[in-house]
Structures are given as structure tokens and as C-alpha cells.
PDBML (XML) file of the C-alpha atoms, coordinates in Angstrom:
<?xml version="1.0" encoding="UTF-8" ?>
<PDBx:datablock datablockName="MODEL"
   xmlns:PDBx="http://pdbml.pdb.org/schema/pdbx-v50.xsd"
   xmlns:xsi="http://www.w3.org/2001/XMLSchema-instance"
   xsi:schemaLocation="http://pdbml.pdb.org/schema/pdbx-v50.xsd pdbx-v50.xsd">
   <PDBx:atom_siteCategory>
      <PDBx:atom_site id="1">
         <PDBx:B_iso_or_equiv>0.00</PDBx:B_iso_or_equiv>
         <PDBx:Cartn_x>168.967</PDBx:Cartn_x>
         <PDBx:Cartn_y>53.410</PDBx:Cartn_y>
         <PDBx:Cartn_z>-238.957</PDBx:Cartn_z>
         <PDBx:auth_asym_id>A</PDBx:auth_asym_id>
         <PDBx:auth_atom_id>CA</PDBx:auth_atom_id>
         <PDBx:auth_comp_id>UNK</PDBx:auth_comp_id>
         <PDBx:auth_seq_id>1</PDBx:auth_seq_id>
         <PDBx:group_PDB>ATOM</PDBx:group_PDB>
         <PDBx:label_alt_id xsi:nil="true" />
         <PDBx:label_asym_id>A</PDBx:label_asym_id>
         <PDBx:label_atom_id>CA</PDBx:label_atom_id>
         <PDBx:label_comp_id>UNK</PDBx:label_comp_id>
         <PDBx:label_entity_id>1</PDBx:label_entity_id>
         <PDBx:label_seq_id>1</PDBx:label_seq_id>
         <PDBx:occupancy>1.00</PDBx:occupancy>
         <PDBx:pdbx_PDB_model_num>1</PDBx:pdbx_PDB_model_num>
         <PDBx:type_symbol>C</PDBx:type_symbol>
      </PDBx:atom_site>
      <PDBx:atom_site id="2">
         <PDBx:B_iso_or_equiv>0.00</PDBx:B_iso_or_equiv>
         <PDBx:Cartn_x>168.059</PDBx:Cartn_x>
         <PDBx:Cartn_y>55.783</PDBx:Cartn_y>
         <PDBx:Cartn_z>-235.112</PDBx:Cartn_z>
         <PDBx:auth_asym_id>A</PDBx:auth_asym_id>
         <PDBx:auth_atom_id>CA</PDBx:auth_atom_id>
         <PDBx:auth_comp_id>UNK</PDBx:auth_comp_id>
         <PDBx:auth_seq_id>2</PDBx:auth_seq_id>
         <PDBx:group_PDB>ATOM</PDBx:group_PDB>
         <PDBx:label_alt_id xsi:nil="true" />
         <PDBx:label_asym_id>A</PDBx:label_asym_id>
         <PDBx:label_atom_id>CA</PDBx:label_atom_id>
         <PDBx:label_comp_id>UNK</PDBx:label_comp_id>
         <PDBx:label_entity_id>1</PDBx:label_entity_id>
         <PDBx:label_seq_id>2</PDBx:label_seq_id>
         <PDBx:occupancy>1.00</PDBx:occupancy>
         <PDBx:pdbx_PDB_model_num>1</PDBx:pdbx_PDB_model_num>
         <PDBx:type_symbol>C</PDBx:type_symbol>
      </PDBx:atom_site>
      <PDBx:atom_site id="3">
         <PDBx:B_iso_or_equiv>0.00</PDBx:B_iso_or_equiv>
         <PDBx:Cartn_x>165.235</PDBx:Cartn_x>
         <PDBx:Cartn_y>57.241</PDBx:Cartn_y>
         <PDBx:Cartn_z>-236.054</PDBx:Cartn_z>
         <PDBx:auth_asym_id>A</PDBx:auth_asym_id>
         <PDBx:auth_atom_id>CA</PDBx:auth_atom_id>
         <PDBx:auth_comp_id>UNK</PDBx:auth_comp_id>
         <PDBx:auth_seq_id>3</PDBx:auth_seq_id>
         <PDBx:group_PDB>ATOM</PDBx:group_PDB>
         <PDBx:label_alt_id xsi:nil="true" />
         <PDBx:label_asym_id>A</PDBx:label_asym_id>
         <PDBx:label_atom_id>CA</PDBx:label_atom_id>
         <PDBx:label_comp_id>UNK</PDBx:label_comp_id>
         <PDBx:label_entity_id>1</PDBx:label_entity_id>
         <PDBx:label_seq_id>3</PDBx:label_seq_id>
         <PDBx:occupancy>1.00</PDBx:occupancy>
         <PDBx:pdbx_PDB_model_num>1</PDBx:pdbx_PDB_model_num>
         <PDBx:type_symbol>C</PDBx:type_symbol>
      </PDBx:atom_site>
      <PDBx:atom_site id="4">
         <PDBx:B_iso_or_equiv>0.00</PDBx:B_iso_or_equiv>
         <PDBx:Cartn_x>163.136</PDBx:Cartn_x>
         <PDBx:Cartn_y>54.657</PDBx:Cartn_y>
         <PDBx:Cartn_z>-237.617</PDBx:Cartn_z>
         <PDBx:auth_asym_id>A</PDBx:auth_asym_id>
         <PDBx:auth_atom_id>CA</PDBx:auth_atom_id>
         <PDBx:auth_comp_id>UNK</PDBx:auth_comp_id>
         <PDBx:auth_seq_id>4</PDBx:auth_seq_id>
         <PDBx:group_PDB>ATOM</PDBx:group_PDB>
         <PDBx:label_alt_id xsi:nil="true" />
         <PDBx:label_asym_id>A</PDBx:label_asym_id>
         <PDBx:label_atom_id>CA</PDBx:label_atom_id>
         <PDBx:label_comp_id>UNK</PDBx:label_comp_id>
         <PDBx:label_entity_id>1</PDBx:label_entity_id>
         <PDBx:label_seq_id>4</PDBx:label_seq_id>
         <PDBx:occupancy>1.00</PDBx:occupancy>
         <PDBx:pdbx_PDB_model_num>1</PDBx:pdbx_PDB_model_num>
         <PDBx:type_symbol>C</PDBx:type_symbol>
      </PDBx:atom_site>
      <PDBx:atom_site id="5">
         <PDBx:B_iso_or_equiv>0.00</PDBx:B_iso_or_equiv>
         <PDBx:Cartn_x>164.854</PDBx:Cartn_x>
         <PDBx:Cartn_y>51.428</PDBx:Cartn_y>
         <PDBx:Cartn_z>-236.530</PDBx:Cartn_z>
         <PDBx:auth_asym_id>A</PDBx:auth_asym_id>
         <PDBx:auth_atom_id>CA</PDBx:auth_atom_id>
         <PDBx:auth_comp_id>UNK</PDBx:auth_comp_id>
         <PDBx:auth_seq_id>5</PDBx:auth_seq_id>
         <PDBx:group_PDB>ATOM</PDBx:group_PDB>
         <PDBx:label_alt_id xsi:nil="true" />
         <PDBx:label_asym_id>A</PDBx:label_asym_id>
         <PDBx:label_atom_id>CA</PDBx:label_atom_id>
         <PDBx:label_comp_id>UNK</PDBx:label_comp_id>
         <PDBx:label_entity_id>1</PDBx:label_entity_id>
         <PDBx:label_seq_id>5</PDBx:label_seq_id>
         <PDBx:occupancy>1.00</PDBx:occupancy>
         <PDBx:pdbx_PDB_model_num>1</PDBx:pdbx_PDB_model_num>
         <PDBx:type_symbol>C</PDBx:type_symbol>
      </PDBx:atom_site>
      <PDBx:atom_site id="6">
         <PDBx:B_iso_or_equiv>0.00</PDBx:B_iso_or_equiv>
         <PDBx:Cartn_x>168.124</PDBx:Cartn_x>
         <PDBx:Cartn_y>49.674</PDBx:Cartn_y>
         <PDBx:Cartn_z>-238.713</PDBx:Cartn_z>
         <PDBx:auth_asym_id>A</PDBx:auth_asym_id>
         <PDBx:auth_atom_id>CA</PDBx:auth_atom_id>
         <PDBx:auth_comp_id>UNK</PDBx:auth_comp_id>
         <PDBx:auth_seq_id>6</PDBx:auth_seq_id>
         <PDBx:group_PDB>ATOM</PDBx:group_PDB>
         <PDBx:label_alt_id xsi:nil="true" />
         <PDBx:label_asym_id>A</PDBx:label_asym_id>
         <PDBx:label_atom_id>CA</PDBx:label_atom_id>
         <PDBx:label_comp_id>UNK</PDBx:label_comp_id>
         <PDBx:label_entity_id>1</PDBx:label_entity_id>
         <PDBx:label_seq_id>6</PDBx:label_seq_id>
         <PDBx:occupancy>1.00</PDBx:occupancy>
         <PDBx:pdbx_PDB_model_num>1</PDBx:pdbx_PDB_model_num>
         <PDBx:type_symbol>C</PDBx:type_symbol>
      </PDBx:atom_site>
      <PDBx:atom_site id="7">
         <PDBx:B_iso_or_equiv>0.00</PDBx:B_iso_or_equiv>
         <PDBx:Cartn_x>165.557</PDBx:Cartn_x>
         <PDBx:Cartn_y>46.882</PDBx:Cartn_y>
         <PDBx:Cartn_z>-240.107</PDBx:Cartn_z>
         <PDBx:auth_asym_id>A</PDBx:auth_asym_id>
         <PDBx:auth_atom_id>CA</PDBx:auth_atom_id>
         <PDBx:auth_comp_id>UNK</PDBx:auth_comp_id>
         <PDBx:auth_seq_id>7</PDBx:auth_seq_id>
         <PDBx:group_PDB>ATOM</PDBx:group_PDB>
         <PDBx:label_alt_id xsi:nil="true" />
         <PDBx:label_asym_id>A</PDBx:label_asym_id>
         <PDBx:label_atom_id>CA</PDBx:label_atom_id>
         <PDBx:label_comp_id>UNK</PDBx:label_comp_id>
         <PDBx:label_entity_id>1</PDBx:label_entity_id>
         <PDBx:label_seq_id>7</PDBx:label_seq_id>
         <PDBx:occupancy>1.00</PDBx:occupancy>
         <PDBx:pdbx_PDB_model_num>1</PDBx:pdbx_PDB_model_num>
         <PDBx:type_symbol>C</PDBx:type_symbol>
      </PDBx:atom_site>
      <PDBx:atom_site id="8">
         <PDBx:B_iso_or_equiv>0.00</PDBx:B_iso_or_equiv>
         <PDBx:Cartn_x>163.328</PDBx:Cartn_x>
         <PDBx:Cartn_y>49.685</PDBx:Cartn_y>
         <PDBx:Cartn_z>-241.395</PDBx:Cartn_z>
         <PDBx:auth_asym_id>A</PDBx:auth_asym_id>
         <PDBx:auth_atom_id>CA</PDBx:auth_atom_id>
         <PDBx:auth_comp_id>UNK</PDBx:auth_comp_id>
         <PDBx:auth_seq_id>8</PDBx:auth_seq_id>
         <PDBx:group_PDB>ATOM</PDBx:group_PDB>
         <PDBx:label_alt_id xsi:nil="true" />
         <PDBx:label_asym_id>A</PDBx:label_asym_id>
         <PDBx:label_atom_id>CA</PDBx:label_atom_id>
         <PDBx:label_comp_id>UNK</PDBx:label_comp_id>
         <PDBx:label_entity_id>1</PDBx:label_entity_id>
         <PDBx:label_seq_id>8</PDBx:label_seq_id>
         <PDBx:occupancy>1.00</PDBx:occupancy>
         <PDBx:pdbx_PDB_model_num>1</PDBx:pdbx_PDB_model_num>
         <PDBx:type_symbol>C</PDBx:type_symbol>
      </PDBx:atom_site>
      <PDBx:atom_site id="9">
         <PDBx:B_iso_or_equiv>0.00</PDBx:B_iso_or_equiv>
         <PDBx:Cartn_x>166.308</PDBx:Cartn_x>
         <PDBx:Cartn_y>51.551</PDBx:Cartn_y>
         <PDBx:Cartn_z>-243.050</PDBx:Cartn_z>
         <PDBx:auth_asym_id>A</PDBx:auth_asym_id>
         <PDBx:auth_atom_id>CA</PDBx:auth_atom_id>
         <PDBx:auth_comp_id>UNK</PDBx:auth_comp_id>
         <PDBx:auth_seq_id>9</PDBx:auth_seq_id>
         <PDBx:group_PDB>ATOM</PDBx:group_PDB>
         <PDBx:label_alt_id xsi:nil="true" />
         <PDBx:label_asym_id>A</PDBx:label_asym_id>
         <PDBx:label_atom_id>CA</PDBx:label_atom_id>
         <PDBx:label_comp_id>UNK</PDBx:label_comp_id>
         <PDBx:label_entity_id>1</PDBx:label_entity_id>
         <PDBx:label_seq_id>9</PDBx:label_seq_id>
         <PDBx:occupancy>1.00</PDBx:occupancy>
         <PDBx:pdbx_PDB_model_num>1</PDBx:pdbx_PDB_model_num>
         <PDBx:type_symbol>C</PDBx:type_symbol>
      </PDBx:atom_site>
      <PDBx:atom_site id="10">
         <PDBx:B_iso_or_equiv>0.00</PDBx:B_iso_or_equiv>
         <PDBx:Cartn_x>167.339</PDBx:Cartn_x>
         <PDBx:Cartn_y>48.040</PDBx:Cartn_y>
         <PDBx:Cartn_z>-244.198</PDBx:Cartn_z>
         <PDBx:auth_asym_id>A</PDBx:auth_asym_id>
         <PDBx:auth_atom_id>CA</PDBx:auth_atom_id>
         <PDBx:auth_comp_id>UNK</PDBx:auth_comp_id>
         <PDBx:auth_seq_id>10</PDBx:auth_seq_id>
         <PDBx:group_PDB>ATOM</PDBx:group_PDB>
         <PDBx:label_alt_id xsi:nil="true" />
         <PDBx:label_asym_id>A</PDBx:label_asym_id>
         <PDBx:label_atom_id>CA</PDBx:label_atom_id>
         <PDBx:label_comp_id>UNK</PDBx:label_comp_id>
         <PDBx:label_entity_id>1</PDBx:label_entity_id>
         <PDBx:label_seq_id>10</PDBx:label_seq_id>
         <PDBx:occupancy>1.00</PDBx:occupancy>
         <PDBx:pdbx_PDB_model_num>1</PDBx:pdbx_PDB_model_num>
         <PDBx:type_symbol>C</PDBx:type_symbol>
      </PDBx:atom_site>
      <PDBx:atom_site id="11">
         <PDBx:B_iso_or_equiv>0.00</PDBx:B_iso_or_equiv>
         <PDBx:Cartn_x>163.980</PDBx:Cartn_x>
         <PDBx:Cartn_y>47.400</PDBx:Cartn_y>
         <PDBx:Cartn_z>-246.456</PDBx:Cartn_z>
         <PDBx:auth_asym_id>A</PDBx:auth_asym_id>
         <PDBx:auth_atom_id>CA</PDBx:auth_atom_id>
         <PDBx:auth_comp_id>UNK</PDBx:auth_comp_id>
         <PDBx:auth_seq_id>11</PDBx:auth_seq_id>
         <PDBx:group_PDB>ATOM</PDBx:group_PDB>
         <PDBx:label_alt_id xsi:nil="true" />
         <PDBx:label_asym_id>A</PDBx:label_asym_id>
         <PDBx:label_atom_id>CA</PDBx:label_atom_id>
         <PDBx:label_comp_id>UNK</PDBx:label_comp_id>
         <PDBx:label_entity_id>1</PDBx:label_entity_id>
         <PDBx:label_seq_id>11</PDBx:label_seq_id>
         <PDBx:occupancy>1.00</PDBx:occupancy>
         <PDBx:pdbx_PDB_model_num>1</PDBx:pdbx_PDB_model_num>
         <PDBx:type_symbol>C</PDBx:type_symbol>
      </PDBx:atom_site>
      <PDBx:atom_site id="12">
         <PDBx:B_iso_or_equiv>0.00</PDBx:B_iso_or_equiv>
         <PDBx:Cartn_x>163.786</PDBx:Cartn_x>
         <PDBx:Cartn_y>50.719</PDBx:Cartn_y>
         <PDBx:Cartn_z>-247.442</PDBx:Cartn_z>
         <PDBx:auth_asym_id>A</PDBx:auth_asym_id>
         <PDBx:auth_atom_id>CA</PDBx:auth_atom_id>
         <PDBx:auth_comp_id>UNK</PDBx:auth_comp_id>
         <PDBx:auth_seq_id>12</PDBx:auth_seq_id>
         <PDBx:group_PDB>ATOM</PDBx:group_PDB>
         <PDBx:label_alt_id xsi:nil="true" />
         <PDBx:label_asym_id>A</PDBx:label_asym_id>
         <PDBx:label_atom_id>CA</PDBx:label_atom_id>
         <PDBx:label_comp_id>UNK</PDBx:label_comp_id>
         <PDBx:label_entity_id>1</PDBx:label_entity_id>
         <PDBx:label_seq_id>12</PDBx:label_seq_id>
         <PDBx:occupancy>1.00</PDBx:occupancy>
         <PDBx:pdbx_PDB_model_num>1</PDBx:pdbx_PDB_model_num>
         <PDBx:type_symbol>C</PDBx:type_symbol>
      </PDBx:atom_site>
      <PDBx:atom_site id="13">
         <PDBx:B_iso_or_equiv>0.00</PDBx:B_iso_or_equiv>
         <PDBx:Cartn_x>167.041</PDBx:Cartn_x>
         <PDBx:Cartn_y>50.402</PDBx:Cartn_y>
         <PDBx:Cartn_z>-249.133</PDBx:Cartn_z>
         <PDBx:auth_asym_id>A</PDBx:auth_asym_id>
         <PDBx:auth_atom_id>CA</PDBx:auth_atom_id>
         <PDBx:auth_comp_id>UNK</PDBx:auth_comp_id>
         <PDBx:auth_seq_id>13</PDBx:auth_seq_id>
         <PDBx:group_PDB>ATOM</PDBx:group_PDB>
         <PDBx:label_alt_id xsi:nil="true" />
         <PDBx:label_asym_id>A</PDBx:label_asym_id>
         <PDBx:label_atom_id>CA</PDBx:label_atom_id>
         <PDBx:label_comp_id>UNK</PDBx:label_comp_id>
         <PDBx:label_entity_id>1</PDBx:label_entity_id>
         <PDBx:label_seq_id>13</PDBx:label_seq_id>
         <PDBx:occupancy>1.00</PDBx:occupancy>
         <PDBx:pdbx_PDB_model_num>1</PDBx:pdbx_PDB_model_num>
         <PDBx:type_symbol>C</PDBx:type_symbol>
      </PDBx:atom_site>
      <PDBx:atom_site id="14">
         <PDBx:B_iso_or_equiv>0.00</PDBx:B_iso_or_equiv>
         <PDBx:Cartn_x>166.279</PDBx:Cartn_x>
         <PDBx:Cartn_y>47.773</PDBx:Cartn_y>
         <PDBx:Cartn_z>-251.475</PDBx:Cartn_z>
         <PDBx:auth_asym_id>A</PDBx:auth_asym_id>
         <PDBx:auth_atom_id>CA</PDBx:auth_atom_id>
         <PDBx:auth_comp_id>UNK</PDBx:auth_comp_id>
         <PDBx:auth_seq_id>14</PDBx:auth_seq_id>
         <PDBx:group_PDB>ATOM</PDBx:group_PDB>
         <PDBx:label_alt_id xsi:nil="true" />
         <PDBx:label_asym_id>A</PDBx:label_asym_id>
         <PDBx:label_atom_id>CA</PDBx:label_atom_id>
         <PDBx:label_comp_id>UNK</PDBx:label_comp_id>
         <PDBx:label_entity_id>1</PDBx:label_entity_id>
         <PDBx:label_seq_id>14</PDBx:label_seq_id>
         <PDBx:occupancy>1.00</PDBx:occupancy>
         <PDBx:pdbx_PDB_model_num>1</PDBx:pdbx_PDB_model_num>
         <PDBx:type_symbol>C</PDBx:type_symbol>
      </PDBx:atom_site>
      <PDBx:atom_site id="15">
         <PDBx:B_iso_or_equiv>0.00</PDBx:B_iso_or_equiv>
         <PDBx:Cartn_x>164.626</PDBx:Cartn_x>
         <PDBx:Cartn_y>50.337</PDBx:Cartn_y>
         <PDBx:Cartn_z>-253.711</PDBx:Cartn_z>
         <PDBx:auth_asym_id>A</PDBx:auth_asym_id>
         <PDBx:auth_atom_id>CA</PDBx:auth_atom_id>
         <PDBx:auth_comp_id>UNK</PDBx:auth_comp_id>
         <PDBx:auth_seq_id>15</PDBx:auth_seq_id>
         <PDBx:group_PDB>ATOM</PDBx:group_PDB>
         <PDBx:label_alt_id xsi:nil="true" />
         <PDBx:label_asym_id>A</PDBx:label_asym_id>
         <PDBx:label_atom_id>CA</PDBx:label_atom_id>
         <PDBx:label_comp_id>UNK</PDBx:label_comp_id>
         <PDBx:label_entity_id>1</PDBx:label_entity_id>
         <PDBx:label_seq_id>15</PDBx:label_seq_id>
         <PDBx:occupancy>1.00</PDBx:occupancy>
         <PDBx:pdbx_PDB_model_num>1</PDBx:pdbx_PDB_model_num>
         <PDBx:type_symbol>C</PDBx:type_symbol>
      </PDBx:atom_site>
      <PDBx:atom_site id="16">
         <PDBx:B_iso_or_equiv>0.00</PDBx:B_iso_or_equiv>
         <PDBx:Cartn_x>167.987</PDBx:Cartn_x>
         <PDBx:Cartn_y>51.917</PDBx:Cartn_y>
         <PDBx:Cartn_z>-254.964</PDBx:Cartn_z>
         <PDBx:auth_asym_id>A</PDBx:auth_asym_id>
         <PDBx:auth_atom_id>CA</PDBx:auth_atom_id>
         <PDBx:auth_comp_id>UNK</PDBx:auth_comp_id>
         <PDBx:auth_seq_id>16</PDBx:auth_seq_id>
         <PDBx:group_PDB>ATOM</PDBx:group_PDB>
         <PDBx:label_alt_id xsi:nil="true" />
         <PDBx:label_asym_id>A</PDBx:label_asym_id>
         <PDBx:label_atom_id>CA</PDBx:label_atom_id>
         <PDBx:label_comp_id>UNK</PDBx:label_comp_id>
         <PDBx:label_entity_id>1</PDBx:label_entity_id>
         <PDBx:label_seq_id>16</PDBx:label_seq_id>
         <PDBx:occupancy>1.00</PDBx:occupancy>
         <PDBx:pdbx_PDB_model_num>1</PDBx:pdbx_PDB_model_num>
         <PDBx:type_symbol>C</PDBx:type_symbol>
      </PDBx:atom_site>
      <PDBx:atom_site id="17">
         <PDBx:B_iso_or_equiv>0.00</PDBx:B_iso_or_equiv>
         <PDBx:Cartn_x>168.290</PDBx:Cartn_x>
         <PDBx:Cartn_y>48.252</PDBx:Cartn_y>
         <PDBx:Cartn_z>-257.160</PDBx:Cartn_z>
         <PDBx:auth_asym_id>A</PDBx:auth_asym_id>
         <PDBx:auth_atom_id>CA</PDBx:auth_atom_id>
         <PDBx:auth_comp_id>UNK</PDBx:auth_comp_id>
         <PDBx:auth_seq_id>17</PDBx:auth_seq_id>
         <PDBx:group_PDB>ATOM</PDBx:group_PDB>
         <PDBx:label_alt_id xsi:nil="true" />
         <PDBx:label_asym_id>A</PDBx:label_asym_id>
         <PDBx:label_atom_id>CA</PDBx:label_atom_id>
         <PDBx:label_comp_id>UNK</PDBx:label_comp_id>
         <PDBx:label_entity_id>1</PDBx:label_entity_id>
         <PDBx:label_seq_id>17</PDBx:label_seq_id>
         <PDBx:occupancy>1.00</PDBx:occupancy>
         <PDBx:pdbx_PDB_model_num>1</PDBx:pdbx_PDB_model_num>
         <PDBx:type_symbol>C</PDBx:type_symbol>
      </PDBx:atom_site>
      <PDBx:atom_site id="18">
         <PDBx:B_iso_or_equiv>0.00</PDBx:B_iso_or_equiv>
         <PDBx:Cartn_x>164.627</PDBx:Cartn_x>
         <PDBx:Cartn_y>48.469</PDBx:Cartn_y>
         <PDBx:Cartn_z>-258.291</PDBx:Cartn_z>
         <PDBx:auth_asym_id>A</PDBx:auth_asym_id>
         <PDBx:auth_atom_id>CA</PDBx:auth_atom_id>
         <PDBx:auth_comp_id>UNK</PDBx:auth_comp_id>
         <PDBx:auth_seq_id>18</PDBx:auth_seq_id>
         <PDBx:group_PDB>ATOM</PDBx:group_PDB>
         <PDBx:label_alt_id xsi:nil="true" />
         <PDBx:label_asym_id>A</PDBx:label_asym_id>
         <PDBx:label_atom_id>CA</PDBx:label_atom_id>
         <PDBx:label_comp_id>UNK</PDBx:label_comp_id>
         <PDBx:label_entity_id>1</PDBx:label_entity_id>
         <PDBx:label_seq_id>18</PDBx:label_seq_id>
         <PDBx:occupancy>1.00</PDBx:occupancy>
         <PDBx:pdbx_PDB_model_num>1</PDBx:pdbx_PDB_model_num>
         <PDBx:type_symbol>C</PDBx:type_symbol>
      </PDBx:atom_site>
      <PDBx:atom_site id="19">
         <PDBx:B_iso_or_equiv>0.00</PDBx:B_iso_or_equiv>
         <PDBx:Cartn_x>165.122</PDBx:Cartn_x>
         <PDBx:Cartn_y>52.138</PDBx:Cartn_y>
         <PDBx:Cartn_z>-258.978</PDBx:Cartn_z>
         <PDBx:auth_asym_id>A</PDBx:auth_asym_id>
         <PDBx:auth_atom_id>CA</PDBx:auth_atom_id>
         <PDBx:auth_comp_id>UNK</PDBx:auth_comp_id>
         <PDBx:auth_seq_id>19</PDBx:auth_seq_id>
         <PDBx:group_PDB>ATOM</PDBx:group_PDB>
         <PDBx:label_alt_id xsi:nil="true" />
         <PDBx:label_asym_id>A</PDBx:label_asym_id>
         <PDBx:label_atom_id>CA</PDBx:label_atom_id>
         <PDBx:label_comp_id>UNK</PDBx:label_comp_id>
         <PDBx:label_entity_id>1</PDBx:label_entity_id>
         <PDBx:label_seq_id>19</PDBx:label_seq_id>
         <PDBx:occupancy>1.00</PDBx:occupancy>
         <PDBx:pdbx_PDB_model_num>1</PDBx:pdbx_PDB_model_num>
         <PDBx:type_symbol>C</PDBx:type_symbol>
      </PDBx:atom_site>
      <PDBx:atom_site id="20">
         <PDBx:B_iso_or_equiv>0.00</PDBx:B_iso_or_equiv>
         <PDBx:Cartn_x>167.692</PDBx:Cartn_x>
         <PDBx:Cartn_y>51.059</PDBx:Cartn_y>
         <PDBx:Cartn_z>-261.578</PDBx:Cartn_z>
         <PDBx:auth_asym_id>A</PDBx:auth_asym_id>
         <PDBx:auth_atom_id>CA</PDBx:auth_atom_id>
         <PDBx:auth_comp_id>UNK</PDBx:auth_comp_id>
         <PDBx:auth_seq_id>20</PDBx:auth_seq_id>
         <PDBx:group_PDB>ATOM</PDBx:group_PDB>
         <PDBx:label_alt_id xsi:nil="true" />
         <PDBx:label_asym_id>A</PDBx:label_asym_id>
         <PDBx:label_atom_id>CA</PDBx:label_atom_id>
         <PDBx:label_comp_id>UNK</PDBx:label_comp_id>
         <PDBx:label_entity_id>1</PDBx:label_entity_id>
         <PDBx:label_seq_id>20</PDBx:label_seq_id>
         <PDBx:occupancy>1.00</PDBx:occupancy>
         <PDBx:pdbx_PDB_model_num>1</PDBx:pdbx_PDB_model_num>
         <PDBx:type_symbol>C</PDBx:type_symbol>
      </PDBx:atom_site>
      <PDBx:atom_site id="21">
         <PDBx:B_iso_or_equiv>0.00</PDBx:B_iso_or_equiv>
         <PDBx:Cartn_x>165.659</PDBx:Cartn_x>
         <PDBx:Cartn_y>48.198</PDBx:Cartn_y>
         <PDBx:Cartn_z>-263.373</PDBx:Cartn_z>
         <PDBx:auth_asym_id>A</PDBx:auth_asym_id>
         <PDBx:auth_atom_id>CA</PDBx:auth_atom_id>
         <PDBx:auth_comp_id>UNK</PDBx:auth_comp_id>
         <PDBx:auth_seq_id>21</PDBx:auth_seq_id>
         <PDBx:group_PDB>ATOM</PDBx:group_PDB>
         <PDBx:label_alt_id xsi:nil="true" />
         <PDBx:label_asym_id>A</PDBx:label_asym_id>
         <PDBx:label_atom_id>CA</PDBx:label_atom_id>
         <PDBx:label_comp_id>UNK</PDBx:label_comp_id>
         <PDBx:label_entity_id>1</PDBx:label_entity_id>
         <PDBx:label_seq_id>21</PDBx:label_seq_id>
         <PDBx:occupancy>1.00</PDBx:occupancy>
         <PDBx:pdbx_PDB_model_num>1</PDBx:pdbx_PDB_model_num>
         <PDBx:type_symbol>C</PDBx:type_symbol>
      </PDBx:atom_site>
      <PDBx:atom_site id="22">
         <PDBx:B_iso_or_equiv>0.00</PDBx:B_iso_or_equiv>
         <PDBx:Cartn_x>162.620</PDBx:Cartn_x>
         <PDBx:Cartn_y>50.688</PDBx:Cartn_y>
         <PDBx:Cartn_z>-263.694</PDBx:Cartn_z>
         <PDBx:auth_asym_id>A</PDBx:auth_asym_id>
         <PDBx:auth_atom_id>CA</PDBx:auth_atom_id>
         <PDBx:auth_comp_id>UNK</PDBx:auth_comp_id>
         <PDBx:auth_seq_id>22</PDBx:auth_seq_id>
         <PDBx:group_PDB>ATOM</PDBx:group_PDB>
         <PDBx:label_alt_id xsi:nil="true" />
         <PDBx:label_asym_id>A</PDBx:label_asym_id>
         <PDBx:label_atom_id>CA</PDBx:label_atom_id>
         <PDBx:label_comp_id>UNK</PDBx:label_comp_id>
         <PDBx:label_entity_id>1</PDBx:label_entity_id>
         <PDBx:label_seq_id>22</PDBx:label_seq_id>
         <PDBx:occupancy>1.00</PDBx:occupancy>
         <PDBx:pdbx_PDB_model_num>1</PDBx:pdbx_PDB_model_num>
         <PDBx:type_symbol>C</PDBx:type_symbol>
      </PDBx:atom_site>
      <PDBx:atom_site id="23">
         <PDBx:B_iso_or_equiv>0.00</PDBx:B_iso_or_equiv>
         <PDBx:Cartn_x>164.589</PDBx:Cartn_x>
         <PDBx:Cartn_y>53.383</PDBx:Cartn_y>
         <PDBx:Cartn_z>-264.911</PDBx:Cartn_z>
         <PDBx:auth_asym_id>A</PDBx:auth_asym_id>
         <PDBx:auth_atom_id>CA</PDBx:auth_atom_id>
         <PDBx:auth_comp_id>UNK</PDBx:auth_comp_id>
         <PDBx:auth_seq_id>23</PDBx:auth_seq_id>
         <PDBx:group_PDB>ATOM</PDBx:group_PDB>
         <PDBx:label_alt_id xsi:nil="true" />
         <PDBx:label_asym_id>A</PDBx:label_asym_id>
         <PDBx:label_atom_id>CA</PDBx:label_atom_id>
         <PDBx:label_comp_id>UNK</PDBx:label_comp_id>
         <PDBx:label_entity_id>1</PDBx:label_entity_id>
         <PDBx:label_seq_id>23</PDBx:label_seq_id>
         <PDBx:occupancy>1.00</PDBx:occupancy>
         <PDBx:pdbx_PDB_model_num>1</PDBx:pdbx_PDB_model_num>
         <PDBx:type_symbol>C</PDBx:type_symbol>
      </PDBx:atom_site>
      <PDBx:atom_site id="24">
         <PDBx:B_iso_or_equiv>0.00</PDBx:B_iso_or_equiv>
         <PDBx:Cartn_x>166.449</PDBx:Cartn_x>
         <PDBx:Cartn_y>51.410</PDBx:Cartn_y>
         <PDBx:Cartn_z>-267.555</PDBx:Cartn_z>
         <PDBx:auth_asym_id>A</PDBx:auth_asym_id>
         <PDBx:auth_atom_id>CA</PDBx:auth_atom_id>
         <PDBx:auth_comp_id>UNK</PDBx:auth_comp_id>
         <PDBx:auth_seq_id>24</PDBx:auth_seq_id>
         <PDBx:group_PDB>ATOM</PDBx:group_PDB>
         <PDBx:label_alt_id xsi:nil="true" />
         <PDBx:label_asym_id>A</PDBx:label_asym_id>
         <PDBx:label_atom_id>CA</PDBx:label_atom_id>
         <PDBx:label_comp_id>UNK</PDBx:label_comp_id>
         <PDBx:label_entity_id>1</PDBx:label_entity_id>
         <PDBx:label_seq_id>24</PDBx:label_seq_id>
         <PDBx:occupancy>1.00</PDBx:occupancy>
         <PDBx:pdbx_PDB_model_num>1</PDBx:pdbx_PDB_model_num>
         <PDBx:type_symbol>C</PDBx:type_symbol>
      </PDBx:atom_site>
   </PDBx:atom_siteCategory>
</PDBx:datablock>
């Protein structure tokens, strides 16, 4: 968050749920 901004970090974190769906 300090390095790239809190908004960008929040957006990238959404990939966590996406990975779960794709893996299953």
C-alpha cells in the first residue's frame, strides 16, 4: 500500500477470490 497506493493494492487483492474459482 505504501509502495503502489492503497487503491491499487485493493484492486489486486480481488485476484485471490478469482484464483479460487479458476483452480476448482
